């Protein structure tokens, strides 16, 4: 199991360049047991993405550009992952 974002930041600074990126990949074998189509959310990752919003805010506060990529295997649909992240990010900005 991968460490949670907050755990990583407690132990070290993962930013090692003048930019950074997040890549949500997911469990390919696990999700492919549940679906073979990538048109909807299969796994609710709201809690995890909420943590990533906090990471994004910390990194952006340092002026470090960030690129974010989402694989279909993370929630079942890559664009849905990005939309959920954006919704959570906007909700925390209010």
PDB file of N, CA and C in Angstrom:
ATOM      1  N   UNK A   1       0.842  -1.180   0.000  1.00  0.00           N
ATOM      2  CA  UNK A   1       0.000   0.000   0.000  1.00  0.00           C
ATOM      3  C   UNK A   1       0.888   1.245   0.000  1.00  0.00           C
ATOM      4  N   UNK A   2       0.497   2.203  -0.820  1.00  0.00           N
ATOM      5  CA  UNK A   2       1.246   3.449  -0.930  1.00  0.00           C
ATOM      6  C   UNK A   2       0.970   4.343   0.277  1.00  0.00           C
ATOM      7  N   UNK A   3       1.974   5.101   0.719  1.00  0.00           N
ATOM      8  CA  UNK A   3       1.724   6.042   1.828  1.00  0.00           C
ATOM      9  C   UNK A   3       0.790   7.159   1.379  1.00  0.00           C
ATOM     10  N   UNK A   4       0.015   7.667   2.309  1.00  0.00           N
ATOM     11  CA  UNK A   4      -0.904   8.770   2.035  1.00  0.00           C
ATOM     12  C   UNK A   4      -0.085  10.046   1.851  1.00  0.00           C
ATOM     13  N   UNK A   5      -0.613  11.007   1.097  1.00  0.00           N
ATOM     14  CA  UNK A   5       0.140  12.243   0.830  1.00  0.00           C
ATOM     15  C   UNK A   5       0.606  12.959   2.094  1.00  0.00           C
ATOM     16  N   UNK A   6      -0.258  13.062   3.084  1.00  0.00           N
ATOM     17  CA  UNK A   6       0.115  13.760   4.320  1.00  0.00           C
ATOM     18  C   UNK A   6       1.280  13.059   5.007  1.00  0.00           C
ATOM     19  N   UNK A   7       1.311  11.730   4.950  1.00  0.00           N
ATOM     20  CA  UNK A   7       2.412  10.960   5.553  1.00  0.00           C
ATOM     21  C   UNK A   7       3.734  11.282   4.874  1.00  0.00           C
ATOM     22  N   UNK A   8       3.717  11.398   3.572  1.00  0.00           N
ATOM     23  CA  UNK A   8       4.940  11.699   2.828  1.00  0.00           C
ATOM     24  C   UNK A   8       5.477  13.070   3.232  1.00  0.00           C
ATOM     25  N   UNK A   9       4.602  14.071   3.293  1.00  0.00           N
ATOM     26  CA  UNK A   9       5.038  15.425   3.624  1.00  0.00           C
ATOM     27  C   UNK A   9       5.517  15.545   5.063  1.00  0.00           C
ATOM     28  N   UNK A  10       5.042  14.697   5.946  1.00  0.00           N
ATOM     29  CA  UNK A  10       5.527  14.734   7.329  1.00  0.00           C
ATOM     30  C   UNK A  10       6.973  14.262   7.410  1.00  0.00           C
ATOM     31  N   UNK A  11       7.357  13.347   6.543  1.00  0.00           N
ATOM     32  CA  UNK A  11       8.679  12.738   6.610  1.00  0.00           C
ATOM     33  C   UNK A  11       9.735  13.435   5.759  1.00  0.00           C
ATOM     34  N   UNK A  12       9.313  14.009   4.630  1.00  0.00           N
ATOM     35  CA  UNK A  12      10.288  14.606   3.727  1.00  0.00           C
ATOM     36  C   UNK A  12       9.621  15.618   2.810  1.00  0.00           C
ATOM     37  N   UNK A  13      10.419  16.336   2.062  1.00  0.00           N
ATOM     38  CA  UNK A  13       9.922  17.269   1.056  1.00  0.00           C
ATOM     39  C   UNK A  13      10.021  16.570  -0.291  1.00  0.00           C
ATOM     40  N   UNK A  14       8.885  16.167  -0.879  1.00  0.00           N
ATOM     41  CA  UNK A  14       8.938  15.438  -2.146  1.00  0.00           C
ATOM     42  C   UNK A  14       9.219  16.312  -3.366  1.00  0.00           C
ATOM     43  N   UNK A  15       9.245  17.624  -3.187  1.00  0.00           N
ATOM     44  CA  UNK A  15       9.535  18.519  -4.306  1.00  0.00           C
ATOM     45  C   UNK A  15      11.046  18.611  -4.452  1.00  0.00           C
ATOM     46  N   UNK A  16      11.554  18.107  -5.577  1.00  0.00           N
ATOM     47  CA  UNK A  16      13.008  18.061  -5.777  1.00  0.00           C
ATOM     48  C   UNK A  16      13.451  18.793  -7.050  1.00  0.00           C
ATOM     49  N   UNK A  17      12.528  19.544  -7.658  1.00  0.00           N
ATOM     50  CA  UNK A  17      12.851  20.283  -8.886  1.00  0.00           C
ATOM     51  C   UNK A  17      12.081  21.601  -8.872  1.00  0.00           C
ATOM     52  N   UNK A  18      12.163  22.336  -9.961  1.00  0.00           N
ATOM     53  CA  UNK A  18      11.453  23.610 -10.032  1.00  0.00           C
ATOM     54  C   UNK A  18      10.013  23.439 -10.529  1.00  0.00           C
ATOM     55  N   UNK A  19       9.548  22.206 -10.615  1.00  0.00           N
ATOM     56  CA  UNK A  19       8.163  21.874 -10.909  1.00  0.00           C
ATOM     57  C   UNK A  19       7.877  20.541 -10.229  1.00  0.00           C
ATOM     58  N   UNK A  20       6.609  20.170 -10.189  1.00  0.00           N
ATOM     59  CA  UNK A  20       6.254  18.865  -9.635  1.00  0.00           C
ATOM     60  C   UNK A  20       5.031  18.337 -10.360  1.00  0.00           C
ATOM     61  N   UNK A  21       4.760  17.052 -10.174  1.00  0.00           N
ATOM     62  CA  UNK A  21       3.554  16.491 -10.769  1.00  0.00           C
ATOM     63  C   UNK A  21       2.948  15.441  -9.852  1.00  0.00           C
ATOM     64  N   UNK A  22       1.649  15.272 -10.027  1.00  0.00           N
ATOM     65  CA  UNK A  22       0.897  14.232  -9.345  1.00  0.00           C
ATOM     66  C   UNK A  22       0.371  13.312 -10.429  1.00  0.00           C
ATOM     67  N   UNK A  23       0.464  12.033 -10.186  1.00  0.00           N
ATOM     68  CA  UNK A  23      -0.069  11.058 -11.139  1.00  0.00           C
ATOM     69  C   UNK A  23      -0.878  10.037 -10.358  1.00  0.00           C
ATOM     70  N   UNK A  24      -2.187  10.041 -10.590  1.00  0.00           N
ATOM     71  CA  UNK A  24      -3.064   9.073  -9.937  1.00  0.00           C
ATOM     72  C   UNK A  24      -3.239   7.886 -10.872  1.00  0.00           C
ATOM     73  N   UNK A  25      -2.710   6.733 -10.485  1.00  0.00           N
ATOM     74  CA  UNK A  25      -2.729   5.553 -11.348  1.00  0.00           C
ATOM     75  C   UNK A  25      -3.770   4.523 -10.944  1.00  0.00           C
ATOM     76  N   UNK A  26      -3.922   4.241  -9.695  1.00  0.00           N
ATOM     77  CA  UNK A  26      -4.918   3.266  -9.247  1.00  0.00           C
ATOM     78  C   UNK A  26      -4.453   1.819  -9.340  1.00  0.00           C
ATOM     79  N   UNK A  27      -5.370   0.931  -8.998  1.00  0.00           N
ATOM     80  CA  UNK A  27      -5.122  -0.512  -8.980  1.00  0.00           C
ATOM     81  C   UNK A  27      -5.687  -1.127 -10.252  1.00  0.00           C
ATOM     82  N   UNK A  28      -4.853  -1.298 -11.239  1.00  0.00           N
ATOM     83  CA  UNK A  28      -5.301  -1.780 -12.545  1.00  0.00           C
ATOM     84  C   UNK A  28      -6.029  -3.115 -12.453  1.00  0.00           C
ATOM     85  N   UNK A  29      -5.419  -4.092 -11.831  1.00  0.00           N
ATOM     86  CA  UNK A  29      -6.046  -5.419 -11.756  1.00  0.00           C
ATOM     87  C   UNK A  29      -7.342  -5.382 -10.964  1.00  0.00           C
ATOM     88  N   UNK A  30      -7.331  -4.657  -9.855  1.00  0.00           N
ATOM     89  CA  UNK A  30      -8.520  -4.587  -9.014  1.00  0.00           C
ATOM     90  C   UNK A  30      -9.696  -3.939  -9.706  1.00  0.00           C
ATOM     91  N   UNK A  31      -9.455  -2.842 -10.397  1.00  0.00           N
ATOM     92  CA  UNK A  31     -10.575  -2.153 -11.046  1.00  0.00           C
ATOM     93  C   UNK A  31     -11.017  -2.881 -12.308  1.00  0.00           C
ATOM     94  N   UNK A  32     -10.091  -3.556 -12.990  1.00  0.00           N
ATOM     95  CA  UNK A  32     -10.486  -4.299 -14.183  1.00  0.00           C
ATOM     96  C   UNK A  32     -11.312  -5.542 -13.843  1.00  0.00           C
ATOM     97  N   UNK A  33     -11.282  -5.972 -12.586  1.00  0.00           N
ATOM     98  CA  UNK A  33     -12.190  -7.035 -12.153  1.00  0.00           C
ATOM     99  C   UNK A  33     -13.618  -6.504 -12.056  1.00  0.00           C
ATOM    100  N   UNK A  34     -13.748  -5.208 -11.843  1.00  0.00           N
ATOM    101  CA  UNK A  34     -15.062  -4.590 -11.644  1.00  0.00           C
ATOM    102  C   UNK A  34     -15.641  -3.972 -12.909  1.00  0.00           C
ATOM    103  N   UNK A  35     -14.782  -3.590 -13.853  1.00  0.00           N
ATOM    104  CA  UNK A  35     -15.280  -2.957 -15.080  1.00  0.00           C
ATOM    105  C   UNK A  35     -14.266  -3.101 -16.199  1.00  0.00           C
ATOM    106  N   UNK A  36     -14.776  -3.050 -17.421  1.00  0.00           N
ATOM    107  CA  UNK A  36     -13.928  -3.009 -18.614  1.00  0.00           C
ATOM    108  C   UNK A  36     -14.230  -1.755 -19.429  1.00  0.00           C
ATOM    109  N   UNK A  37     -15.152  -0.943 -18.931  1.00  0.00           N
ATOM    110  CA  UNK A  37     -15.469   0.325 -19.594  1.00  0.00           C
ATOM    111  C   UNK A  37     -15.059   1.462 -18.667  1.00  0.00           C
ATOM    112  N   UNK A  38     -14.660   2.552 -19.260  1.00  0.00           N
ATOM    113  CA  UNK A  38     -14.072   3.653 -18.491  1.00  0.00           C
ATOM    114  C   UNK A  38     -14.920   4.912 -18.622  1.00  0.00           C
ATOM    115  N   UNK A  39     -16.223   4.753 -18.398  1.00  0.00           N
ATOM    116  CA  UNK A  39     -17.153   5.850 -18.618  1.00  0.00           C
ATOM    117  C   UNK A  39     -17.799   6.390 -17.349  1.00  0.00           C
ATOM    118  N   UNK A  40     -17.383   5.897 -16.180  1.00  0.00           N
ATOM    119  CA  UNK A  40     -18.014   6.333 -14.934  1.00  0.00           C
ATOM    120  C   UNK A  40     -17.095   6.056 -13.749  1.00  0.00           C
ATOM    121  N   UNK A  41     -17.431   6.657 -12.627  1.00  0.00           N
ATOM    122  CA  UNK A  41     -16.685   6.429 -11.392  1.00  0.00           C
ATOM    123  C   UNK A  41     -17.057   5.059 -10.829  1.00  0.00           C
ATOM    124  N   UNK A  42     -16.055   4.288 -10.487  1.00  0.00           N
ATOM    125  CA  UNK A  42     -16.236   2.961  -9.899  1.00  0.00           C
ATOM    126  C   UNK A  42     -15.841   2.979  -8.426  1.00  0.00           C
ATOM    127  N   UNK A  43     -14.777   3.707  -8.091  1.00  0.00           N
ATOM    128  CA  UNK A  43     -14.233   3.766  -6.735  1.00  0.00           C
ATOM    129  C   UNK A  43     -14.309   5.208  -6.234  1.00  0.00           C
ATOM    130  N   UNK A  44     -14.888   5.401  -5.071  1.00  0.00           N
ATOM    131  CA  UNK A  44     -14.957   6.744  -4.481  1.00  0.00           C
ATOM    132  C   UNK A  44     -13.620   7.078  -3.834  1.00  0.00           C
ATOM    133  N   UNK A  45     -12.945   8.046  -4.379  1.00  0.00           N
ATOM    134  CA  UNK A  45     -11.639   8.472  -3.860  1.00  0.00           C
ATOM    135  C   UNK A  45     -11.696   9.892  -3.296  1.00  0.00           C
ATOM    136  N   UNK A  46     -12.857  10.310  -2.847  1.00  0.00           N
ATOM    137  CA  UNK A  46     -13.020  11.673  -2.327  1.00  0.00           C
ATOM    138  C   UNK A  46     -12.051  11.974  -1.191  1.00  0.00           C
ATOM    139  N   UNK A  47     -11.903  11.045  -0.260  1.00  0.00           N
ATOM    140  CA  UNK A  47     -11.009  11.281   0.884  1.00  0.00           C
ATOM    141  C   UNK A  47      -9.566  11.454   0.431  1.00  0.00           C
ATOM    142  N   UNK A  48      -9.120  10.580  -0.458  1.00  0.00           N
ATOM    143  CA  UNK A  48      -7.742  10.672  -0.943  1.00  0.00           C
ATOM    144  C   UNK A  48      -7.512  11.967  -1.716  1.00  0.00           C
ATOM    145  N   UNK A  49      -8.466  12.298  -2.589  1.00  0.00           N
ATOM    146  CA  UNK A  49      -8.303  13.519  -3.378  1.00  0.00           C
ATOM    147  C   UNK A  49      -8.374  14.763  -2.503  1.00  0.00           C
ATOM    148  N   UNK A  50      -9.128  14.690  -1.418  1.00  0.00           N
ATOM    149  CA  UNK A  50      -9.139  15.794  -0.459  1.00  0.00           C
ATOM    150  C   UNK A  50      -7.760  16.022   0.132  1.00  0.00           C
ATOM    151  N   UNK A  51      -7.052  14.943   0.426  1.00  0.00           N
ATOM    152  CA  UNK A  51      -5.672  15.074   0.912  1.00  0.00           C
ATOM    153  C   UNK A  51      -4.774  15.674  -0.161  1.00  0.00           C
ATOM    154  N   UNK A  52      -5.006  15.277  -1.406  1.00  0.00           N
ATOM    155  CA  UNK A  52      -4.190  15.820  -2.488  1.00  0.00           C
ATOM    156  C   UNK A  52      -4.447  17.305  -2.694  1.00  0.00           C
ATOM    157  N   UNK A  53      -5.653  17.772  -2.392  1.00  0.00           N
ATOM    158  CA  UNK A  53      -5.931  19.212  -2.460  1.00  0.00           C
ATOM    159  C   UNK A  53      -5.020  19.942  -1.476  1.00  0.00           C
ATOM    160  N   UNK A  54      -4.885  19.398  -0.276  1.00  0.00           N
ATOM    161  CA  UNK A  54      -4.000  20.020   0.720  1.00  0.00           C
ATOM    162  C   UNK A  54      -2.557  20.039   0.230  1.00  0.00           C
ATOM    163  N   UNK A  55      -2.116  18.945  -0.379  1.00  0.00           N
ATOM    164  CA  UNK A  55      -0.757  18.879  -0.934  1.00  0.00           C
ATOM    165  C   UNK A  55      -0.602  19.927  -2.033  1.00  0.00           C
ATOM    166  N   UNK A  56      -1.576  19.999  -2.909  1.00  0.00           N
ATOM    167  CA  UNK A  56      -1.538  20.971  -3.995  1.00  0.00           C
ATOM    168  C   UNK A  56      -1.430  22.385  -3.444  1.00  0.00           C
ATOM    169  N   UNK A  57      -2.193  22.682  -2.413  1.00  0.00           N
ATOM    170  CA  UNK A  57      -2.164  24.028  -1.832  1.00  0.00           C
ATOM    171  C   UNK A  57      -0.805  24.342  -1.213  1.00  0.00           C
ATOM    172  N   UNK A  58      -0.208  23.377  -0.534  1.00  0.00           N
ATOM    173  CA  UNK A  58       1.123  23.592   0.047  1.00  0.00           C
ATOM    174  C   UNK A  58       2.157  23.867  -1.038  1.00  0.00           C
ATOM    175  N   UNK A  59       2.124  23.078  -2.086  1.00  0.00           N
ATOM    176  CA  UNK A  59       3.104  23.228  -3.160  1.00  0.00           C
ATOM    177  C   UNK A  59       2.875  24.531  -3.921  1.00  0.00           C
ATOM    178  N   UNK A  60       1.633  24.838  -4.233  1.00  0.00           N
ATOM    179  CA  UNK A  60       1.326  26.074  -4.954  1.00  0.00           C
ATOM    180  C   UNK A  60       1.711  27.292  -4.126  1.00  0.00           C
ATOM    181  N   UNK A  61       1.574  27.195  -2.813  1.00  0.00           N
ATOM    182  CA  UNK A  61       1.957  28.290  -1.933  1.00  0.00           C
ATOM    183  C   UNK A  61       3.447  28.601  -1.992  1.00  0.00           C
ATOM    184  N   UNK A  62       4.207  27.653  -2.445  1.00  0.00           N
ATOM    185  CA  UNK A  62       5.653  27.840  -2.608  1.00  0.00           C
ATOM    186  C   UNK A  62       6.002  28.353  -3.993  1.00  0.00           C
ATOM    187  N   UNK A  63       4.987  28.511  -4.847  1.00  0.00           N
ATOM    188  CA  UNK A  63       5.228  29.001  -6.201  1.00  0.00           C
ATOM    189  C   UNK A  63       5.759  27.959  -7.157  1.00  0.00           C
ATOM    190  N   UNK A  64       5.598  26.692  -6.824  1.00  0.00           N
ATOM    191  CA  UNK A  64       6.095  25.608  -7.665  1.00  0.00           C
ATOM    192  C   UNK A  64       4.992  25.184  -8.637  1.00  0.00           C
ATOM    193  N   UNK A  65       5.235  25.254  -9.950  1.00  0.00           N
ATOM    194  CA  UNK A  65       4.234  24.795 -10.921  1.00  0.00           C
ATOM    195  C   UNK A  65       3.957  23.299 -10.743  1.00  0.00           C
ATOM    196  N   UNK A  66       2.708  22.909 -10.967  1.00  0.00           N
ATOM    197  CA  UNK A  66       2.311  21.517 -10.773  1.00  0.00           C
ATOM    198  C   UNK A  66       1.523  21.026 -11.979  1.00  0.00           C
ATOM    199  N   UNK A  67       1.792  19.806 -12.367  1.00  0.00           N
ATOM    200  CA  UNK A  67       1.062  19.123 -13.426  1.00  0.00           C
ATOM    201  C   UNK A  67       0.371  17.920 -12.786  1.00  0.00           C
ATOM    202  N   UNK A  68      -0.886  17.674 -13.180  1.00  0.00           N
ATOM    203  CA  UNK A  68      -1.660  16.598 -12.570  1.00  0.00           C
ATOM    204  C   UNK A  68      -2.203  15.688 -13.668  1.00  0.00           C
ATOM    205  N   UNK A  69      -2.010  14.383 -13.496  1.00  0.00           N
ATOM    206  CA  UNK A  69      -2.453  13.394 -14.467  1.00  0.00           C
ATOM    207  C   UNK A  69      -3.296  12.334 -13.769  1.00  0.00           C
ATOM    208  N   UNK A  70      -4.356  11.882 -14.432  1.00  0.00           N
ATOM    209  CA  UNK A  70      -5.231  10.867 -13.846  1.00  0.00           C
ATOM    210  C   UNK A  70      -5.451   9.736 -14.838  1.00  0.00           C
ATOM    211  N   UNK A  71      -5.161   8.529 -14.398  1.00  0.00           N
ATOM    212  CA  UNK A  71      -5.394   7.331 -15.181  1.00  0.00           C
ATOM    213  C   UNK A  71      -6.814   6.847 -14.933  1.00  0.00           C
ATOM    214  N   UNK A  72      -7.418   6.194 -15.904  1.00  0.00           N
ATOM    215  CA  UNK A  72      -8.760   5.633 -15.723  1.00  0.00           C
ATOM    216  C   UNK A  72      -8.826   4.661 -14.553  1.00  0.00           C
ATOM    217  N   UNK A  73      -7.746   4.003 -14.235  1.00  0.00           N
ATOM    218  CA  UNK A  73      -7.743   2.981 -13.191  1.00  0.00           C
ATOM    219  C   UNK A  73      -7.837   3.548 -11.778  1.00  0.00           C
ATOM    220  N   UNK A  74      -7.721   4.854 -11.619  1.00  0.00           N
ATOM    221  CA  UNK A  74      -7.776   5.438 -10.278  1.00  0.00           C
ATOM    222  C   UNK A  74      -9.199   5.426  -9.718  1.00  0.00           C
ATOM    223  N   UNK A  75     -10.166   5.962 -10.455  1.00  0.00           N
ATOM    224  CA  UNK A  75     -11.558   5.914  -9.996  1.00  0.00           C
ATOM    225  C   UNK A  75     -12.467   5.188 -10.983  1.00  0.00           C
ATOM    226  N   UNK A  76     -11.973   4.951 -12.187  1.00  0.00           N
ATOM    227  CA  UNK A  76     -12.782   4.320 -13.221  1.00  0.00           C
ATOM    228  C   UNK A  76     -12.957   5.207 -14.437  1.00  0.00           C
ATOM    229  N   UNK A  77     -12.578   6.477 -14.321  1.00  0.00           N
ATOM    230  CA  UNK A  77     -12.693   7.427 -15.416  1.00  0.00           C
ATOM    231  C   UNK A  77     -11.756   8.590 -15.122  1.00  0.00           C
ATOM    232  N   UNK A  78     -10.725   8.757 -15.954  1.00  0.00           N
ATOM    233  CA  UNK A  78      -9.739   9.813 -15.732  1.00  0.00           C
ATOM    234  C   UNK A  78     -10.329  11.209 -15.645  1.00  0.00           C
ATOM    235  N   UNK A  79     -11.188  11.615 -16.595  1.00  0.00           N
ATOM    236  CA  UNK A  79     -11.786  12.949 -16.502  1.00  0.00           C
ATOM    237  C   UNK A  79     -12.630  13.140 -15.238  1.00  0.00           C
ATOM    238  N   UNK A  80     -13.296  12.101 -14.780  1.00  0.00           N
ATOM    239  CA  UNK A  80     -14.080  12.210 -13.538  1.00  0.00           C
ATOM    240  C   UNK A  80     -13.169  12.453 -12.347  1.00  0.00           C
ATOM    241  N   UNK A  81     -11.979  11.875 -12.354  1.00  0.00           N
ATOM    242  CA  UNK A  81     -11.006  12.109 -11.289  1.00  0.00           C
ATOM    243  C   UNK A  81     -10.632  13.586 -11.247  1.00  0.00           C
ATOM    244  N   UNK A  82     -10.333  14.147 -12.396  1.00  0.00           N
ATOM    245  CA  UNK A  82      -9.934  15.553 -12.466  1.00  0.00           C
ATOM    246  C   UNK A  82     -11.085  16.461 -12.027  1.00  0.00           C
ATOM    247  N   UNK A  83     -12.305  16.156 -12.473  1.00  0.00           N
ATOM    248  CA  UNK A  83     -13.459  16.978 -12.074  1.00  0.00           C
ATOM    249  C   UNK A  83     -13.665  16.941 -10.558  1.00  0.00           C
ATOM    250  N   UNK A  84     -13.553  15.760  -9.952  1.00  0.00           N
ATOM    251  CA  UNK A  84     -13.715  15.645  -8.499  1.00  0.00           C
ATOM    252  C   UNK A  84     -12.626  16.430  -7.779  1.00  0.00           C
ATOM    253  N   UNK A  85     -11.401  16.332  -8.246  1.00  0.00           N
ATOM    254  CA  UNK A  85     -10.299  17.088  -7.653  1.00  0.00           C
ATOM    255  C   UNK A  85     -10.586  18.588  -7.734  1.00  0.00           C
ATOM    256  N   UNK A  86     -11.051  19.052  -8.888  1.00  0.00           N
ATOM    257  CA  UNK A  86     -11.366  20.468  -9.053  1.00  0.00           C
ATOM    258  C   UNK A  86     -12.489  20.901  -8.115  1.00  0.00           C
ATOM    259  N   UNK A  87     -13.515  20.075  -7.974  1.00  0.00           N
ATOM    260  CA  UNK A  87     -14.634  20.389  -7.068  1.00  0.00           C
ATOM    261  C   UNK A  87     -14.146  20.510  -5.626  1.00  0.00           C
ATOM    262  N   UNK A  88     -13.328  19.568  -5.205  1.00  0.00           N
ATOM    263  CA  UNK A  88     -12.800  19.592  -3.833  1.00  0.00           C
ATOM    264  C   UNK A  88     -11.889  20.802  -3.625  1.00  0.00           C
ATOM    265  N   UNK A  89     -11.098  21.112  -4.607  1.00  0.00           N
ATOM    266  CA  UNK A  89     -10.180  22.255  -4.547  1.00  0.00           C
ATOM    267  C   UNK A  89     -10.971  23.552  -4.424  1.00  0.00           C
ATOM    268  N   UNK A  90     -11.987  23.712  -5.261  1.00  0.00           N
ATOM    269  CA  UNK A  90     -12.815  24.929  -5.207  1.00  0.00           C
ATOM    270  C   UNK A  90     -13.570  25.022  -3.879  1.00  0.00           C
ATOM    271  N   UNK A  91     -14.058  23.911  -3.381  1.00  0.00           N
ATOM    272  CA  UNK A  91     -14.805  23.922  -2.115  1.00  0.00           C
ATOM    273  C   UNK A  91     -13.907  24.364  -0.962  1.00  0.00           C
ATOM    274  N   UNK A  92     -12.661  24.005  -0.975  1.00  0.00           N
ATOM    275  CA  UNK A  92     -11.739  24.402   0.102  1.00  0.00           C
ATOM    276  C   UNK A  92     -11.279  25.844  -0.048  1.00  0.00           C
ATOM    277  N   UNK A  93     -11.399  26.398  -1.255  1.00  0.00           N
ATOM    278  CA  UNK A  93     -10.976  27.782  -1.482  1.00  0.00           C
ATOM    279  C   UNK A  93     -12.003  28.776  -0.964  1.00  0.00           C
ATOM    280  N   UNK A  94     -13.225  28.333  -0.753  1.00  0.00           N
ATOM    281  CA  UNK A  94     -14.310  29.240  -0.312  1.00  0.00           C
ATOM    282  C   UNK A  94     -14.199  29.499   1.169  1.00  0.00           C
TER     283      UNK A  94
END
